[in-house]
Amino acid sequence: MTPWLARTQLLVPAGSEEAAPDLDGELSR
């Protein structure tokens, strides 16, 4: 579990969730 959680932090670091890309919205646009 710990290494997997670390990989999720690489995708979206803790504290930057608000800035995460809205992939569905971008694709729709």
PDB file of all heavy atoms in Angstrom:
ATOM      1  N   MET A   1       0.810  -1.213   0.000  1.00  0.00           N
ATOM      2  CA  MET A   1       0.000   0.000   0.000  1.00  0.00           C
ATOM      3  C   MET A   1       0.849   1.271   0.000  1.00  0.00           C
ATOM      4  O   MET A   1       0.551   2.225  -0.721  1.00  0.00           O
ATOM      5  CB  MET A   1      -0.929  -0.013   1.218  1.00  0.00           C
ATOM      6  CG  MET A   1      -1.919   1.117   1.259  1.00  0.00           C
ATOM      7  SD  MET A   1      -3.036   1.200  -0.169  1.00  0.00           S
ATOM      8  CE  MET A   1      -3.831  -0.387  -0.091  1.00  0.00           C
ATOM      9  N   THR A   2       1.904   1.313   0.787  1.00  0.00           N
ATOM     10  CA  THR A   2       2.709   2.528   0.921  1.00  0.00           C
ATOM     11  C   THR A   2       3.328   2.980  -0.405  1.00  0.00           C
ATOM     12  O   THR A   2       3.225   4.155  -0.751  1.00  0.00           O
ATOM     13  CB  THR A   2       3.768   2.339   2.026  1.00  0.00           C
ATOM     14  OG1 THR A   2       3.091   1.989   3.240  1.00  0.00           O
ATOM     15  CG2 THR A   2       4.562   3.596   2.247  1.00  0.00           C
ATOM     16  N   PRO A   3       3.955   2.088  -1.184  1.00  0.00           N
ATOM     17  CA  PRO A   3       4.497   2.532  -2.479  1.00  0.00           C
ATOM     18  C   PRO A   3       3.404   2.996  -3.451  1.00  0.00           C
ATOM     19  O   PRO A   3       3.607   3.936  -4.216  1.00  0.00           O
ATOM     20  CB  PRO A   3       5.225   1.307  -3.029  1.00  0.00           C
ATOM     21  CG  PRO A   3       5.480   0.441  -1.850  1.00  0.00           C
ATOM     22  CD  PRO A   3       4.361   0.722  -0.884  1.00  0.00           C
ATOM     23  N   TRP A   4       2.240   2.346  -3.405  1.00  0.00           N
ATOM     24  CA  TRP A   4       1.152   2.773  -4.279  1.00  0.00           C
ATOM     25  C   TRP A   4       0.681   4.178  -3.901  1.00  0.00           C
ATOM     26  O   TRP A   4       0.468   5.023  -4.769  1.00  0.00           O
ATOM     27  CB  TRP A   4      -0.008   1.775  -4.220  1.00  0.00           C
ATOM     28  CG  TRP A   4      -1.160   2.189  -5.074  1.00  0.00           C
ATOM     29  CD1 TRP A   4      -1.241   2.089  -6.436  1.00  0.00           C
ATOM     30  CD2 TRP A   4      -2.368   2.811  -4.634  1.00  0.00           C
ATOM     31  NE1 TRP A   4      -2.448   2.608  -6.862  1.00  0.00           N
ATOM     32  CE2 TRP A   4      -3.157   3.051  -5.787  1.00  0.00           C
ATOM     33  CE3 TRP A   4      -2.863   3.172  -3.394  1.00  0.00           C
ATOM     34  CZ2 TRP A   4      -4.410   3.638  -5.715  1.00  0.00           C
ATOM     35  CZ3 TRP A   4      -4.115   3.756  -3.325  1.00  0.00           C
ATOM     36  CH2 TRP A   4      -4.869   3.984  -4.473  1.00  0.00           C
ATOM     37  N   LEU A   5       0.547   4.432  -2.608  1.00  0.00           N
ATOM     38  CA  LEU A   5       0.165   5.775  -2.166  1.00  0.00           C
ATOM     39  C   LEU A   5       1.198   6.809  -2.611  1.00  0.00           C
ATOM     40  O   LEU A   5       0.839   7.916  -3.010  1.00  0.00           O
ATOM     41  CB  LEU A   5       0.010   5.809  -0.648  1.00  0.00           C
ATOM     42  CG  LEU A   5      -1.302   5.259  -0.110  1.00  0.00           C
ATOM     43  CD1 LEU A   5      -1.212   5.068   1.400  1.00  0.00           C
ATOM     44  CD2 LEU A   5      -2.454   6.153  -0.479  1.00  0.00           C
ATOM     45  N   ALA A   6       2.472   6.447  -2.559  1.00  0.00           N
ATOM     46  CA  ALA A   6       3.526   7.369  -3.010  1.00  0.00           C
ATOM     47  C   ALA A   6       3.366   7.679  -4.502  1.00  0.00           C
ATOM     48  O   ALA A   6       3.567   8.823  -4.929  1.00  0.00           O
ATOM     49  CB  ALA A   6       4.903   6.778  -2.728  1.00  0.00           C
ATOM     50  N   ARG A   7       2.969   6.685  -5.295  1.00  0.00           N
ATOM     51  CA  ARG A   7       2.748   6.931  -6.731  1.00  0.00           C
ATOM     52  C   ARG A   7       1.573   7.882  -6.957  1.00  0.00           C
ATOM     53  O   ARG A   7       1.608   8.714  -7.854  1.00  0.00           O
ATOM     54  CB  ARG A   7       2.538   5.609  -7.476  1.00  0.00           C
ATOM     55  CG  ARG A   7       3.799   4.778  -7.574  1.00  0.00           C
ATOM     56  CD  ARG A   7       3.681   3.623  -8.553  1.00  0.00           C
ATOM     57  NE  ARG A   7       2.587   2.710  -8.294  1.00  0.00           N
ATOM     58  CZ  ARG A   7       2.666   1.634  -7.517  1.00  0.00           C
ATOM     59  NH1 ARG A   7       3.786   1.340  -6.884  1.00  0.00           N
ATOM     60  NH2 ARG A   7       1.632   0.831  -7.359  1.00  0.00           N
ATOM     61  N   THR A   8       0.533   7.782  -6.118  1.00  0.00           N
ATOM     62  CA  THR A   8      -0.593   8.714  -6.286  1.00  0.00           C
ATOM     63  C   THR A   8      -0.144  10.136  -5.970  1.00  0.00           C
ATOM     64  O   THR A   8      -0.634  11.089  -6.571  1.00  0.00           O
ATOM     65  CB  THR A   8      -1.809   8.352  -5.395  1.00  0.00           C
ATOM     66  OG1 THR A   8      -1.534   8.611  -4.021  1.00  0.00           O
ATOM     67  CG2 THR A   8      -2.242   6.906  -5.607  1.00  0.00           C
ATOM     68  N   GLN A   9       0.796  10.278  -5.038  1.00  0.00           N
ATOM     69  CA  GLN A   9       1.318  11.603  -4.687  1.00  0.00           C
ATOM     70  C   GLN A   9       2.144  12.197  -5.833  1.00  0.00           C
ATOM     71  O   GLN A   9       2.222  13.417  -5.967  1.00  0.00           O
ATOM     72  CB  GLN A   9       2.175  11.530  -3.412  1.00  0.00           C
ATOM     73  CG  GLN A   9       1.423  11.103  -2.182  1.00  0.00           C
ATOM     74  CD  GLN A   9       0.423  12.133  -1.688  1.00  0.00           C
ATOM     75  OE1 GLN A   9       0.531  13.317  -1.959  1.00  0.00           O
ATOM     76  NE2 GLN A   9      -0.571  11.669  -0.954  1.00  0.00           N
ATOM     77  N   LEU A  10       2.764  11.335  -6.648  1.00  0.00           N
ATOM     78  CA  LEU A  10       3.481  11.826  -7.824  1.00  0.00           C
ATOM     79  C   LEU A  10       2.504  12.390  -8.854  1.00  0.00           C
ATOM     80  O   LEU A  10       2.800  13.377  -9.520  1.00  0.00           O
ATOM     81  CB  LEU A  10       4.307  10.708  -8.466  1.00  0.00           C
ATOM     82  CG  LEU A  10       5.496  10.193  -7.665  1.00  0.00           C
ATOM     83  CD1 LEU A  10       6.112   8.988  -8.358  1.00  0.00           C
ATOM     84  CD2 LEU A  10       6.517  11.297  -7.455  1.00  0.00           C
ATOM     85  N   LEU A  11       1.349  11.751  -8.970  1.00  0.00           N
ATOM     86  CA  LEU A  11       0.342  12.214  -9.928  1.00  0.00           C
ATOM     87  C   LEU A  11      -0.282  13.534  -9.492  1.00  0.00           C
ATOM     88  O   LEU A  11      -0.418  14.459 -10.287  1.00  0.00           O
ATOM     89  CB  LEU A  11      -0.756  11.164 -10.093  1.00  0.00           C
ATOM     90  CG  LEU A  11      -0.333   9.877 -10.769  1.00  0.00           C
ATOM     91  CD1 LEU A  11      -1.439   8.837 -10.644  1.00  0.00           C
ATOM     92  CD2 LEU A  11       0.001  10.128 -12.230  1.00  0.00           C
ATOM     93  N   VAL A  12      -0.704  13.589  -8.236  1.00  0.00           N
ATOM     94  CA  VAL A  12      -1.304  14.797  -7.672  1.00  0.00           C
ATOM     95  C   VAL A  12      -0.755  14.940  -6.255  1.00  0.00           C
ATOM     96  O   VAL A  12      -1.225  14.253  -5.340  1.00  0.00           O
ATOM     97  CB  VAL A  12      -2.845  14.735  -7.641  1.00  0.00           C
ATOM     98  CG1 VAL A  12      -3.423  16.006  -7.048  1.00  0.00           C
ATOM     99  CG2 VAL A  12      -3.421  14.478  -9.022  1.00  0.00           C
ATOM    100  N   PRO A  13       0.254  15.780  -6.069  1.00  0.00           N
ATOM    101  CA  PRO A  13       0.826  15.947  -4.725  1.00  0.00           C
ATOM    102  C   PRO A  13      -0.218  16.449  -3.720  1.00  0.00           C
ATOM    103  O   PRO A  13      -1.110  17.228  -4.074  1.00  0.00           O
ATOM    104  CB  PRO A  13       1.924  16.991  -4.929  1.00  0.00           C
ATOM    105  CG  PRO A  13       2.267  16.898  -6.391  1.00  0.00           C
ATOM    106  CD  PRO A  13       0.973  16.557  -7.079  1.00  0.00           C
ATOM    107  N   ALA A  14      -0.085  15.982  -2.488  1.00  0.00           N
ATOM    108  CA  ALA A  14      -0.975  16.450  -1.418  1.00  0.00           C
ATOM    109  C   ALA A  14      -0.888  17.962  -1.329  1.00  0.00           C
ATOM    110  O   ALA A  14       0.186  18.544  -1.397  1.00  0.00           O
ATOM    111  CB  ALA A  14      -0.586  15.808  -0.097  1.00  0.00           C
ATOM    112  N   GLY A  15      -2.044  18.601  -1.218  1.00  0.00           N
ATOM    113  CA  GLY A  15      -2.103  20.053  -1.145  1.00  0.00           C
ATOM    114  C   GLY A  15      -2.327  20.723  -2.478  1.00  0.00           C
ATOM    115  O   GLY A  15      -2.654  21.905  -2.546  1.00  0.00           O
ATOM    116  N   SER A  16      -2.142  19.974  -3.568  1.00  0.00           N
ATOM    117  CA  SER A  16      -2.352  20.574  -4.894  1.00  0.00           C
ATOM    118  C   SER A  16      -3.581  19.983  -5.593  1.00  0.00           C
ATOM    119  O   SER A  16      -3.743  20.138  -6.801  1.00  0.00           O
ATOM    120  CB  SER A  16      -1.113  20.383  -5.771  1.00  0.00           C
ATOM    121  OG  SER A  16      -0.947  19.017  -6.095  1.00  0.00           O
ATOM    122  N   GLU A  17      -4.456  19.344  -4.827  1.00  0.00           N
ATOM    123  CA  GLU A  17      -5.632  18.708  -5.422  1.00  0.00           C
ATOM    124  C   GLU A  17      -6.517  19.698  -6.173  1.00  0.00           C
ATOM    125  O   GLU A  17      -7.077  19.370  -7.206  1.00  0.00           O
ATOM    126  CB  GLU A  17      -6.454  17.982  -4.348  1.00  0.00           C
ATOM    127  CG  GLU A  17      -5.798  16.762  -3.771  1.00  0.00           C
ATOM    128  CD  GLU A  17      -4.921  17.057  -2.567  1.00  0.00           C
ATOM    129  OE1 GLU A  17      -4.710  18.249  -2.235  1.00  0.00           O
ATOM    130  OE2 GLU A  17      -4.443  16.099  -1.945  1.00  0.00           O
ATOM    131  N   GLU A  18      -6.638  20.923  -5.658  1.00  0.00           N
ATOM    132  CA  GLU A  18      -7.476  21.937  -6.313  1.00  0.00           C
ATOM    133  C   GLU A  18      -6.970  22.272  -7.711  1.00  0.00           C
ATOM    134  O   GLU A  18      -7.731  22.648  -8.588  1.00  0.00           O
ATOM    135  CB  GLU A  18      -7.543  23.210  -5.475  1.00  0.00           C
ATOM    136  CG  GLU A  18      -8.430  23.091  -4.263  1.00  0.00           C
ATOM    137  CD  GLU A  18      -9.903  22.932  -4.614  1.00  0.00           C
ATOM    138  OE1 GLU A  18     -10.397  23.573  -5.564  1.00  0.00           O
ATOM    139  OE2 GLU A  18     -10.576  22.158  -3.918  1.00  0.00           O
ATOM    140  N   ALA A  19      -5.664  22.134  -7.913  1.00  0.00           N
ATOM    141  CA  ALA A  19      -5.061  22.465  -9.209  1.00  0.00           C
ATOM    142  C   ALA A  19      -5.023  21.269 -10.155  1.00  0.00           C
ATOM    143  O   ALA A  19      -4.556  21.394 -11.280  1.00  0.00           O
ATOM    144  CB  ALA A  19      -3.639  22.994  -9.000  1.00  0.00           C
ATOM    145  N   ALA A  20      -5.515  20.112  -9.719  1.00  0.00           N
ATOM    146  CA  ALA A  20      -5.488  18.921 -10.568  1.00  0.00           C
ATOM    147  C   ALA A  20      -6.294  19.173 -11.835  1.00  0.00           C
ATOM    148  O   ALA A  20      -7.333  19.830 -11.808  1.00  0.00           O
ATOM    149  CB  ALA A  20      -6.058  17.717  -9.817  1.00  0.00           C
ATOM    150  N   PRO A  21      -5.815  18.653 -12.965  1.00  0.00           N
ATOM    151  CA  PRO A  21      -6.513  18.912 -14.217  1.00  0.00           C
ATOM    152  C   PRO A  21      -7.891  18.259 -14.265  1.00  0.00           C
ATOM    153  O   PRO A  21      -8.076  17.163 -13.760  1.00  0.00           O
ATOM    154  CB  PRO A  21      -5.591  18.296 -15.277  1.00  0.00           C
ATOM    155  CG  PRO A  21      -4.781  17.285 -14.545  1.00  0.00           C
ATOM    156  CD  PRO A  21      -4.651  17.799 -13.135  1.00  0.00           C
ATOM    157  N   ASP A  22      -8.833  18.961 -14.845  1.00  0.00           N
ATOM    158  CA  ASP A  22     -10.176  18.428 -15.063  1.00  0.00           C
ATOM    159  C   ASP A  22     -10.170  17.765 -16.437  1.00  0.00           C
ATOM    160  O   ASP A  22     -10.517  18.376 -17.442  1.00  0.00           O
ATOM    161  CB  ASP A  22     -11.209  19.559 -15.006  1.00  0.00           C
ATOM    162  CG  ASP A  22     -12.610  19.084 -15.322  1.00  0.00           C
ATOM    163  OD1 ASP A  22     -12.839  17.855 -15.389  1.00  0.00           O
ATOM    164  OD2 ASP A  22     -13.484  19.948 -15.518  1.00  0.00           O
ATOM    165  N   LEU A  23      -9.716  16.499 -16.484  1.00  0.00           N
ATOM    166  CA  LEU A  23      -9.561  15.804 -17.761  1.00  0.00           C
ATOM    167  C   LEU A  23     -10.888  15.634 -18.485  1.00  0.00           C
ATOM    168  O   LEU A  23     -10.955  15.792 -19.706  1.00  0.00           O
ATOM    169  CB  LEU A  23      -8.876  14.453 -17.539  1.00  0.00           C
ATOM    170  CG  LEU A  23      -7.475  14.526 -16.936  1.00  0.00           C
ATOM    171  CD1 LEU A  23      -6.917  13.133 -16.716  1.00  0.00           C
ATOM    172  CD2 LEU A  23      -6.547  15.344 -17.808  1.00  0.00           C
ATOM    173  N   ASP A  24     -11.948  15.322 -17.759  1.00  0.00           N
ATOM    174  CA  ASP A  24     -13.254  15.164 -18.395  1.00  0.00           C
ATOM    175  C   ASP A  24     -13.712  16.481 -19.013  1.00  0.00           C
ATOM    176  O   ASP A  24     -14.201  16.520 -20.144  1.00  0.00           O
ATOM    177  CB  ASP A  24     -14.305  14.674 -17.394  1.00  0.00           C
ATOM    178  CG  ASP A  24     -14.077  13.236 -16.966  1.00  0.00           C
ATOM    179  OD1 ASP A  24     -13.461  12.480 -17.736  1.00  0.00           O
ATOM    180  OD2 ASP A  24     -14.534  12.876 -15.871  1.00  0.00           O
ATOM    181  N   GLY A  25     -13.553  17.572 -18.264  1.00  0.00           N
ATOM    182  CA  GLY A  25     -13.946  18.883 -18.774  1.00  0.00           C
ATOM    183  C   GLY A  25     -13.130  19.302 -19.973  1.00  0.00           C
ATOM    184  O   GLY A  25     -13.657  19.833 -20.960  1.00  0.00           O
ATOM    185  N   GLU A  26     -11.822  19.064 -19.924  1.00  0.00           N
ATOM    186  CA  GLU A  26     -10.949  19.410 -21.052  1.00  0.00           C
ATOM    187  C   GLU A  26     -11.303  18.596 -22.283  1.00  0.00           C
ATOM    188  O   GLU A  26     -11.344  19.122 -23.398  1.00  0.00           O
ATOM    189  CB  GLU A  26      -9.477  19.192 -20.686  1.00  0.00           C
ATOM    190  CG  GLU A  26      -8.894  20.302 -19.857  1.00  0.00           C
ATOM    191  CD  GLU A  26      -8.948  21.648 -20.583  1.00  0.00           C
ATOM    192  OE1 GLU A  26      -8.457  21.755 -21.728  1.00  0.00           O
ATOM    193  OE2 GLU A  26      -9.501  22.593 -20.006  1.00  0.00           O
ATOM    194  N   LEU A  27     -11.551  17.294 -22.108  1.00  0.00           N
ATOM    195  CA  LEU A  27     -11.919  16.446 -23.238  1.00  0.00           C
ATOM    196  C   LEU A  27     -13.239  16.906 -23.841  1.00  0.00           C
ATOM    197  O   LEU A  27     -13.376  17.007 -25.068  1.00  0.00           O
ATOM    198  CB  LEU A  27     -12.005  14.986 -22.797  1.00  0.00           C
ATOM    199  CG  LEU A  27     -12.309  13.970 -23.896  1.00  0.00           C
ATOM    200  CD1 LEU A  27     -11.255  14.038 -25.004  1.00  0.00           C
ATOM    201  CD2 LEU A  27     -12.380  12.580 -23.315  1.00  0.00           C
ATOM    202  N   SER A  28     -14.214  17.220 -23.011  1.00  0.00           N
ATOM    203  CA  SER A  28     -15.505  17.717 -23.506  1.00  0.00           C
ATOM    204  C   SER A  28     -15.319  19.020 -24.281  1.00  0.00           C
ATOM    205  O   SER A  28     -15.903  19.216 -25.346  1.00  0.00           O
ATOM    206  CB  SER A  28     -16.478  17.952 -22.349  1.00  0.00           C
ATOM    207  OG  SER A  28     -16.801  16.740 -21.744  1.00  0.00           O
ATOM    208  N   ARG A  29     -14.481  19.912 -23.748  1.00  0.00           N
ATOM    209  CA  ARG A  29     -14.218  21.186 -24.427  1.00  0.00           C
ATOM    210  C   ARG A  29     -13.558  20.945 -25.783  1.00  0.00           C
ATOM    211  O   ARG A  29     -13.986  21.505 -26.794  1.00  0.00           O
ATOM    212  CB  ARG A  29     -13.318  22.072 -23.560  1.00  0.00           C
ATOM    213  CG  ARG A  29     -13.091  23.473 -24.143  1.00  0.00           C
ATOM    214  CD  ARG A  29     -12.079  24.268 -23.346  1.00  0.00           C
ATOM    215  NE  ARG A  29     -10.747  23.689 -23.323  1.00  0.00           N
ATOM    216  CZ  ARG A  29      -9.873  23.749 -24.340  1.00  0.00           C
ATOM    217  NH1 ARG A  29     -10.193  24.331 -25.460  1.00  0.00           N
ATOM    218  NH2 ARG A  29      -8.684  23.204 -24.221  1.00  0.00           N
TER     219      ARG A  29
END
